[in-house]
Amino acid sequence: MATKNKELQTDVVEKEEVEVVEGAERTRPVKAYVPRADIYETDDSLVIVADMPGVDENNVDITLEKNVLSLKGYLDFQTPENYSLAYAEYEVGDYERSFTLSDEIDRDKIEATISDGVLRVFLAKAGPAKTKKISVKSA
């Protein structure tokens, strides 16, 4: 797999809101953001590291359908009682991101962990196709 290096960026990166497809509506009344992610490659796997502050193992949903790996994190944020927000620099919302997987990933060996709002998805590489002897029977 090709490796692409990016130069260090010192600009402030704003949170990117998930684009809602025309004619579709979200089922939750909060905004959804695209979590920032890094992808690392080892000899036997790829690791996706996605930032989802405030999300724990009970509020994350990972699905694989038609080669698309979808990561969704749900935030259950409640404003403290008898307080009103006077100023905010950080918007709260859910997280959604999808990745298209190649045939080089073993779908049966995908694992994930989350700790302190950092989701790690481990994608094991599929081994090389093994030679298989096919027996022939007379008809």
N, C-alpha and C. Protein backbone atom coordinates (compact mmCIF):
# COMPACT_ATOMS: atom_id res chain seq x y z
N MET A 1 0.84 -1.17 0.00
CA MET A 1 0.00 0.00 0.00
C MET A 1 0.88 1.23 0.00
N ALA A 2 0.48 2.23 -0.70
CA ALA A 2 1.28 3.44 -0.83
C ALA A 2 1.21 4.26 0.45
N THR A 3 2.31 4.91 0.76
CA THR A 3 2.37 5.77 1.93
C THR A 3 2.47 7.22 1.46
N LYS A 4 1.62 8.06 2.00
CA LYS A 4 1.64 9.47 1.66
C LYS A 4 1.89 10.25 2.93
N ASN A 5 2.91 11.09 2.93
CA ASN A 5 3.23 11.91 4.09
C ASN A 5 2.70 13.31 3.87
N LYS A 6 2.11 13.88 4.89
CA LYS A 6 1.63 15.25 4.84
C LYS A 6 2.58 16.12 5.65
N GLU A 7 2.74 17.34 5.21
CA GLU A 7 3.54 18.27 5.98
C GLU A 7 2.77 18.69 7.22
N LEU A 8 3.50 19.01 8.27
CA LEU A 8 2.88 19.44 9.51
C LEU A 8 2.10 20.72 9.27
N GLN A 9 0.85 20.71 9.67
CA GLN A 9 0.00 21.87 9.49
C GLN A 9 -0.17 22.57 10.84
N THR A 10 0.04 23.86 10.85
CA THR A 10 -0.09 24.60 12.10
C THR A 10 -1.39 25.40 12.16
N ASP A 11 -2.21 25.30 11.12
CA ASP A 11 -3.48 26.02 11.10
C ASP A 11 -4.47 25.35 12.04
N VAL A 12 -5.37 26.15 12.57
CA VAL A 12 -6.45 25.61 13.40
C VAL A 12 -7.45 24.93 12.48
N VAL A 13 -7.82 23.71 12.83
CA VAL A 13 -8.75 22.95 12.00
C VAL A 13 -10.12 22.98 12.68
N GLU A 14 -11.11 23.47 11.96
CA GLU A 14 -12.47 23.54 12.49
C GLU A 14 -13.13 22.17 12.36
N LYS A 15 -14.09 21.91 13.24
CA LYS A 15 -14.84 20.66 13.15
C LYS A 15 -15.67 20.67 11.88
N GLU A 16 -15.66 19.56 11.17
CA GLU A 16 -16.41 19.43 9.92
C GLU A 16 -17.74 18.75 10.20
N GLU A 17 -18.82 19.41 9.84
CA GLU A 17 -20.15 18.85 10.06
C GLU A 17 -20.47 17.84 8.96
N VAL A 18 -21.13 16.75 9.31
CA VAL A 18 -21.54 15.74 8.35
C VAL A 18 -22.56 16.34 7.40
N GLU A 19 -22.37 16.11 6.11
CA GLU A 19 -23.34 16.60 5.12
C GLU A 19 -24.52 15.64 5.07
N VAL A 20 -25.70 16.19 5.17
CA VAL A 20 -26.91 15.38 5.11
C VAL A 20 -27.36 15.31 3.65
N VAL A 21 -27.61 14.10 3.18
CA VAL A 21 -28.05 13.89 1.81
C VAL A 21 -29.42 14.52 1.62
N GLU A 22 -29.62 15.16 0.48
CA GLU A 22 -30.90 15.82 0.20
C GLU A 22 -32.05 14.81 0.31
N GLY A 23 -33.07 15.20 1.01
CA GLY A 23 -34.24 14.34 1.19
C GLY A 23 -34.13 13.44 2.42
N ALA A 24 -32.95 13.44 3.08
CA ALA A 24 -32.75 12.61 4.26
C ALA A 24 -32.76 13.49 5.51
N GLU A 25 -33.11 12.90 6.63
CA GLU A 25 -33.11 13.61 7.90
C GLU A 25 -32.41 12.75 8.93
N ARG A 26 -31.75 13.41 9.86
CA ARG A 26 -31.12 12.69 10.97
C ARG A 26 -32.21 12.26 11.95
N THR A 27 -31.99 11.14 12.59
CA THR A 27 -32.97 10.64 13.55
C THR A 27 -32.75 11.20 14.95
N ARG A 28 -31.63 11.89 15.14
CA ARG A 28 -31.35 12.52 16.43
C ARG A 28 -31.32 14.03 16.23
N PRO A 29 -31.80 14.79 17.19
CA PRO A 29 -31.90 16.25 17.02
C PRO A 29 -30.59 17.01 17.31
N VAL A 30 -29.44 16.38 17.05
CA VAL A 30 -28.16 17.04 17.26
C VAL A 30 -27.34 17.00 15.98
N LYS A 31 -26.38 17.89 15.88
CA LYS A 31 -25.50 17.89 14.73
C LYS A 31 -24.59 16.66 14.78
N ALA A 32 -24.08 16.29 13.62
CA ALA A 32 -23.10 15.20 13.55
C ALA A 32 -21.85 15.74 12.90
N TYR A 33 -20.71 15.32 13.41
CA TYR A 33 -19.43 15.79 12.92
C TYR A 33 -18.59 14.63 12.39
N VAL A 34 -17.68 14.95 11.49
CA VAL A 34 -16.75 13.96 10.95
C VAL A 34 -15.56 13.91 11.92
N PRO A 35 -15.33 12.76 12.58
CA PRO A 35 -14.21 12.70 13.51
C PRO A 35 -12.87 12.70 12.75
N ARG A 36 -11.90 13.41 13.27
CA ARG A 36 -10.56 13.39 12.69
C ARG A 36 -9.99 12.00 12.91
N ALA A 37 -9.27 11.49 11.90
CA ALA A 37 -8.75 10.13 12.00
C ALA A 37 -7.36 10.04 11.38
N ASP A 38 -6.57 9.13 11.92
CA ASP A 38 -5.28 8.75 11.37
C ASP A 38 -5.36 7.27 11.04
N ILE A 39 -4.65 6.86 10.00
CA ILE A 39 -4.60 5.45 9.63
C ILE A 39 -3.14 5.02 9.62
N TYR A 40 -2.84 3.99 10.40
CA TYR A 40 -1.49 3.46 10.49
C TYR A 40 -1.45 2.07 9.85
N GLU A 41 -0.34 1.75 9.25
CA GLU A 41 -0.18 0.42 8.65
C GLU A 41 0.97 -0.31 9.34
N THR A 42 0.71 -1.55 9.74
CA THR A 42 1.75 -2.43 10.25
C THR A 42 1.91 -3.57 9.25
N ASP A 43 2.79 -4.50 9.56
CA ASP A 43 3.00 -5.63 8.64
C ASP A 43 1.75 -6.46 8.44
N ASP A 44 0.92 -6.59 9.49
CA ASP A 44 -0.23 -7.49 9.39
C ASP A 44 -1.59 -6.81 9.55
N SER A 45 -1.62 -5.47 9.68
CA SER A 45 -2.92 -4.81 9.84
C SER A 45 -2.86 -3.33 9.52
N LEU A 46 -4.05 -2.75 9.43
CA LEU A 46 -4.23 -1.30 9.37
C LEU A 46 -4.94 -0.92 10.66
N VAL A 47 -4.62 0.26 11.19
CA VAL A 47 -5.26 0.73 12.41
C VAL A 47 -5.82 2.11 12.15
N ILE A 48 -7.13 2.27 12.34
CA ILE A 48 -7.77 3.57 12.23
C ILE A 48 -7.89 4.12 13.66
N VAL A 49 -7.38 5.33 13.86
CA VAL A 49 -7.48 5.99 15.15
C VAL A 49 -8.34 7.24 14.94
N ALA A 50 -9.53 7.25 15.55
CA ALA A 50 -10.49 8.34 15.35
C ALA A 50 -10.80 9.02 16.68
N ASP A 51 -10.79 10.34 16.67
CA ASP A 51 -11.10 11.12 17.87
C ASP A 51 -12.61 11.31 17.99
N MET A 52 -13.18 10.82 19.10
CA MET A 52 -14.59 10.98 19.40
C MET A 52 -14.74 11.38 20.87
N PRO A 53 -14.38 12.62 21.22
CA PRO A 53 -14.44 13.03 22.62
C PRO A 53 -15.83 12.85 23.22
N GLY A 54 -15.85 12.26 24.42
CA GLY A 54 -17.10 12.08 25.14
C GLY A 54 -17.83 10.79 24.83
N VAL A 55 -17.35 10.02 23.84
CA VAL A 55 -18.01 8.76 23.45
C VAL A 55 -17.36 7.61 24.20
N ASP A 56 -18.18 6.67 24.70
CA ASP A 56 -17.65 5.48 25.36
C ASP A 56 -18.13 4.23 24.62
N GLU A 57 -17.76 3.07 25.13
CA GLU A 57 -18.07 1.80 24.44
C GLU A 57 -19.57 1.54 24.30
N ASN A 58 -20.39 2.16 25.14
CA ASN A 58 -21.83 1.96 25.07
C ASN A 58 -22.50 2.84 24.01
N ASN A 59 -21.76 3.83 23.50
CA ASN A 59 -22.35 4.79 22.56
C ASN A 59 -21.62 4.83 21.22
N VAL A 60 -20.98 3.74 20.86
CA VAL A 60 -20.31 3.67 19.57
C VAL A 60 -20.89 2.49 18.79
N ASP A 61 -21.04 2.69 17.48
CA ASP A 61 -21.62 1.67 16.62
C ASP A 61 -20.73 1.55 15.38
N ILE A 62 -20.23 0.34 15.14
CA ILE A 62 -19.37 0.09 13.99
C ILE A 62 -20.03 -0.99 13.15
N THR A 63 -20.26 -0.69 11.87
CA THR A 63 -20.89 -1.67 10.98
C THR A 63 -20.06 -1.81 9.71
N LEU A 64 -20.16 -2.97 9.09
CA LEU A 64 -19.51 -3.23 7.81
C LEU A 64 -20.58 -3.77 6.87
N GLU A 65 -20.82 -3.01 5.81
CA GLU A 65 -21.82 -3.42 4.82
C GLU A 65 -21.33 -3.04 3.44
N LYS A 66 -21.26 -4.04 2.55
CA LYS A 66 -20.84 -3.83 1.16
C LYS A 66 -19.51 -3.10 1.08
N ASN A 67 -18.51 -3.58 1.81
CA ASN A 67 -17.14 -3.02 1.83
C ASN A 67 -17.04 -1.63 2.45
N VAL A 68 -18.10 -1.13 3.07
CA VAL A 68 -18.06 0.19 3.71
C VAL A 68 -18.10 0.00 5.22
N LEU A 69 -17.02 0.45 5.87
CA LEU A 69 -16.93 0.40 7.32
C LEU A 69 -17.44 1.74 7.86
N SER A 70 -18.51 1.71 8.64
CA SER A 70 -19.12 2.94 9.17
C SER A 70 -18.87 3.03 10.67
N LEU A 71 -18.36 4.18 11.09
CA LEU A 71 -18.12 4.45 12.50
C LEU A 71 -19.10 5.53 12.94
N LYS A 72 -19.83 5.26 14.01
CA LYS A 72 -20.79 6.24 14.54
C LYS A 72 -20.63 6.30 16.05
N GLY A 73 -20.49 7.51 16.55
CA GLY A 73 -20.38 7.73 17.98
C GLY A 73 -21.48 8.67 18.42
N TYR A 74 -22.15 8.33 19.49
CA TYR A 74 -23.28 9.13 19.97
C TYR A 74 -22.91 9.76 21.31
N LEU A 75 -23.17 11.05 21.42
CA LEU A 75 -22.85 11.78 22.63
C LEU A 75 -24.13 12.08 23.39
N ASP A 76 -24.13 11.76 24.66
CA ASP A 76 -25.28 12.03 25.51
C ASP A 76 -24.88 13.15 26.48
N PHE A 77 -24.84 14.37 25.96
CA PHE A 77 -24.39 15.53 26.73
C PHE A 77 -25.59 16.23 27.33
N GLN A 78 -25.50 16.54 28.61
CA GLN A 78 -26.57 17.27 29.27
C GLN A 78 -26.00 18.50 29.95
N THR A 79 -26.63 19.63 29.73
CA THR A 79 -26.22 20.87 30.37
C THR A 79 -26.55 20.78 31.86
N PRO A 80 -25.63 21.20 32.72
CA PRO A 80 -25.92 21.15 34.16
C PRO A 80 -27.18 21.94 34.50
N GLU A 81 -27.91 21.45 35.49
CA GLU A 81 -29.16 22.08 35.90
C GLU A 81 -28.92 23.49 36.42
N ASN A 82 -29.82 24.40 36.12
CA ASN A 82 -29.78 25.80 36.57
C ASN A 82 -28.62 26.59 35.98
N TYR A 83 -28.05 26.13 34.88
CA TYR A 83 -26.98 26.86 34.20
C TYR A 83 -27.39 27.10 32.75
N SER A 84 -26.95 28.22 32.21
CA SER A 84 -27.14 28.46 30.79
C SER A 84 -25.78 28.79 30.19
N LEU A 85 -25.57 28.37 29.00
CA LEU A 85 -24.30 28.56 28.32
C LEU A 85 -24.12 30.02 27.93
N ALA A 86 -23.06 30.64 28.39
CA ALA A 86 -22.79 32.04 28.07
C ALA A 86 -21.86 32.17 26.88
N TYR A 87 -20.94 31.21 26.72
CA TYR A 87 -19.96 31.28 25.62
C TYR A 87 -19.46 29.86 25.36
N ALA A 88 -19.31 29.52 24.08
CA ALA A 88 -18.83 28.18 23.74
C ALA A 88 -17.82 28.25 22.61
N GLU A 89 -16.72 27.54 22.75
CA GLU A 89 -15.73 27.42 21.69
C GLU A 89 -15.78 26.04 21.06
N TYR A 90 -16.55 25.14 21.64
CA TYR A 90 -16.60 23.76 21.19
C TYR A 90 -18.05 23.33 21.07
N GLU A 91 -18.45 22.88 19.88
CA GLU A 91 -19.82 22.40 19.70
C GLU A 91 -19.89 20.91 19.98
N VAL A 92 -20.97 20.50 20.59
CA VAL A 92 -21.17 19.11 20.96
C VAL A 92 -22.10 18.46 19.94
N GLY A 93 -21.80 17.21 19.59
CA GLY A 93 -22.66 16.49 18.66
C GLY A 93 -22.17 15.07 18.48
N ASP A 94 -22.85 14.33 17.63
CA ASP A 94 -22.49 12.96 17.32
C ASP A 94 -21.33 12.95 16.32
N TYR A 95 -20.83 11.75 16.04
CA TYR A 95 -19.74 11.57 15.09
C TYR A 95 -20.12 10.50 14.08
N GLU A 96 -19.79 10.75 12.81
CA GLU A 96 -20.06 9.76 11.76
C GLU A 96 -18.94 9.82 10.73
N ARG A 97 -18.41 8.64 10.36
CA ARG A 97 -17.37 8.58 9.33
C ARG A 97 -17.41 7.20 8.70
N SER A 98 -17.16 7.14 7.39
CA SER A 98 -17.16 5.87 6.66
C SER A 98 -15.87 5.70 5.88
N PHE A 99 -15.45 4.45 5.77
CA PHE A 99 -14.26 4.09 5.01
C PHE A 99 -14.60 2.93 4.08
N THR A 100 -14.13 2.99 2.85
CA THR A 100 -14.31 1.88 1.92
C THR A 100 -13.10 0.96 2.05
N LEU A 101 -13.37 -0.32 2.31
CA LEU A 101 -12.29 -1.28 2.51
C LEU A 101 -11.98 -2.03 1.21
N SER A 102 -10.72 -2.35 1.05
CA SER A 102 -10.30 -3.13 -0.11
C SER A 102 -10.42 -4.62 0.23
N ASP A 103 -10.17 -5.45 -0.75
CA ASP A 103 -10.23 -6.90 -0.53
C ASP A 103 -9.03 -7.40 0.27
N GLU A 104 -8.10 -6.53 0.58
CA GLU A 104 -6.92 -6.91 1.35
C GLU A 104 -7.21 -7.01 2.85
N ILE A 105 -8.43 -6.67 3.27
CA ILE A 105 -8.80 -6.70 4.69
C ILE A 105 -9.61 -7.96 4.98
N ASP A 106 -9.25 -8.66 6.07
CA ASP A 106 -9.97 -9.84 6.51
C ASP A 106 -11.18 -9.38 7.33
N ARG A 107 -12.36 -9.48 6.76
CA ARG A 107 -13.59 -8.98 7.41
C ARG A 107 -13.90 -9.68 8.71
N ASP A 108 -13.45 -10.92 8.89
CA ASP A 108 -13.76 -11.68 10.10
C ASP A 108 -12.84 -11.33 11.27
N LYS A 109 -11.82 -10.54 11.03
CA LYS A 109 -10.85 -10.23 12.08
C LYS A 109 -10.78 -8.74 12.40
N ILE A 110 -11.88 -8.03 12.24
CA ILE A 110 -11.93 -6.61 12.58
C ILE A 110 -12.26 -6.48 14.07
N GLU A 111 -11.45 -5.70 14.78
CA GLU A 111 -11.66 -5.49 16.21
C GLU A 111 -11.59 -4.00 16.49
N ALA A 112 -12.15 -3.58 17.63
CA ALA A 112 -12.13 -2.16 17.98
C ALA A 112 -12.06 -1.99 19.49
N THR A 113 -11.41 -0.89 19.89
CA THR A 113 -11.36 -0.50 21.30
C THR A 113 -11.61 1.01 21.36
N ILE A 114 -12.09 1.46 22.52
CA ILE A 114 -12.24 2.90 22.73
C ILE A 114 -11.80 3.21 24.15
N SER A 115 -11.04 4.28 24.28
CA SER A 115 -10.55 4.70 25.59
C SER A 115 -10.36 6.21 25.57
N ASP A 116 -10.95 6.88 26.54
CA ASP A 116 -10.82 8.34 26.66
C ASP A 116 -11.21 9.07 25.37
N GLY A 117 -12.24 8.59 24.70
CA GLY A 117 -12.73 9.26 23.49
C GLY A 117 -11.91 9.01 22.25
N VAL A 118 -10.97 8.05 22.29
CA VAL A 118 -10.17 7.70 21.13
C VAL A 118 -10.55 6.28 20.69
N LEU A 119 -11.12 6.18 19.50
CA LEU A 119 -11.55 4.89 18.95
C LEU A 119 -10.42 4.33 18.10
N ARG A 120 -10.08 3.06 18.32
CA ARG A 120 -9.08 2.37 17.52
C ARG A 120 -9.74 1.16 16.87
N VAL A 121 -9.68 1.11 15.55
CA VAL A 121 -10.25 -0.01 14.81
C VAL A 121 -9.09 -0.74 14.15
N PHE A 122 -8.96 -2.03 14.46
CA PHE A 122 -7.86 -2.85 13.95
C PHE A 122 -8.39 -3.69 12.79
N LEU A 123 -7.81 -3.47 11.61
CA LEU A 123 -8.23 -4.16 10.40
C LEU A 123 -7.11 -5.12 9.98
N ALA A 124 -7.30 -6.41 10.25
CA ALA A 124 -6.27 -7.40 9.90
C ALA A 124 -6.21 -7.57 8.39
N LYS A 125 -5.00 -7.66 7.89
CA LYS A 125 -4.83 -7.88 6.45
C LYS A 125 -5.12 -9.35 6.15
N ALA A 126 -5.75 -9.59 5.02
CA ALA A 126 -6.04 -10.96 4.60
C ALA A 126 -4.74 -11.59 4.13
N GLY A 127 -4.57 -12.85 4.45
CA GLY A 127 -3.38 -13.56 4.00
C GLY A 127 -3.45 -13.85 2.52
N PRO A 128 -2.33 -14.24 1.94
CA PRO A 128 -2.34 -14.55 0.52
C PRO A 128 -3.23 -15.77 0.25
N ALA A 129 -3.83 -15.77 -0.91
CA ALA A 129 -4.69 -16.90 -1.28
C ALA A 129 -3.86 -18.17 -1.30
N LYS A 130 -4.38 -19.22 -0.68
CA LYS A 130 -3.65 -20.49 -0.62
C LYS A 130 -4.06 -21.37 -1.79
N THR A 131 -3.11 -22.15 -2.24
CA THR A 131 -3.39 -23.09 -3.32
C THR A 131 -4.25 -24.21 -2.77
N LYS A 132 -5.27 -24.54 -3.50
CA LYS A 132 -6.21 -25.57 -3.04
C LYS A 132 -6.37 -26.59 -4.15
N LYS A 133 -6.25 -27.84 -3.82
CA LYS A 133 -6.44 -28.94 -4.76
C LYS A 133 -7.93 -29.22 -4.87
N ILE A 134 -8.44 -29.20 -6.09
CA ILE A 134 -9.85 -29.47 -6.33
C ILE A 134 -9.97 -30.83 -6.97
N SER A 135 -10.72 -31.71 -6.31
CA SER A 135 -10.87 -33.07 -6.84
C SER A 135 -11.93 -33.08 -7.95
N VAL A 136 -11.72 -33.95 -8.91
CA VAL A 136 -12.63 -34.08 -10.04
C VAL A 136 -13.27 -35.46 -9.95
N LYS A 137 -14.60 -35.49 -10.09
CA LYS A 137 -15.33 -36.75 -10.04
C LYS A 137 -15.92 -37.02 -11.41
N SER A 138 -16.05 -38.29 -11.71
CA SER A 138 -16.67 -38.63 -12.99
C SER A 138 -18.17 -38.47 -12.89
N ALA A 139 -18.77 -38.07 -14.00
CA ALA A 139 -20.20 -37.80 -14.00
C ALA A 139 -21.01 -39.00 -14.37
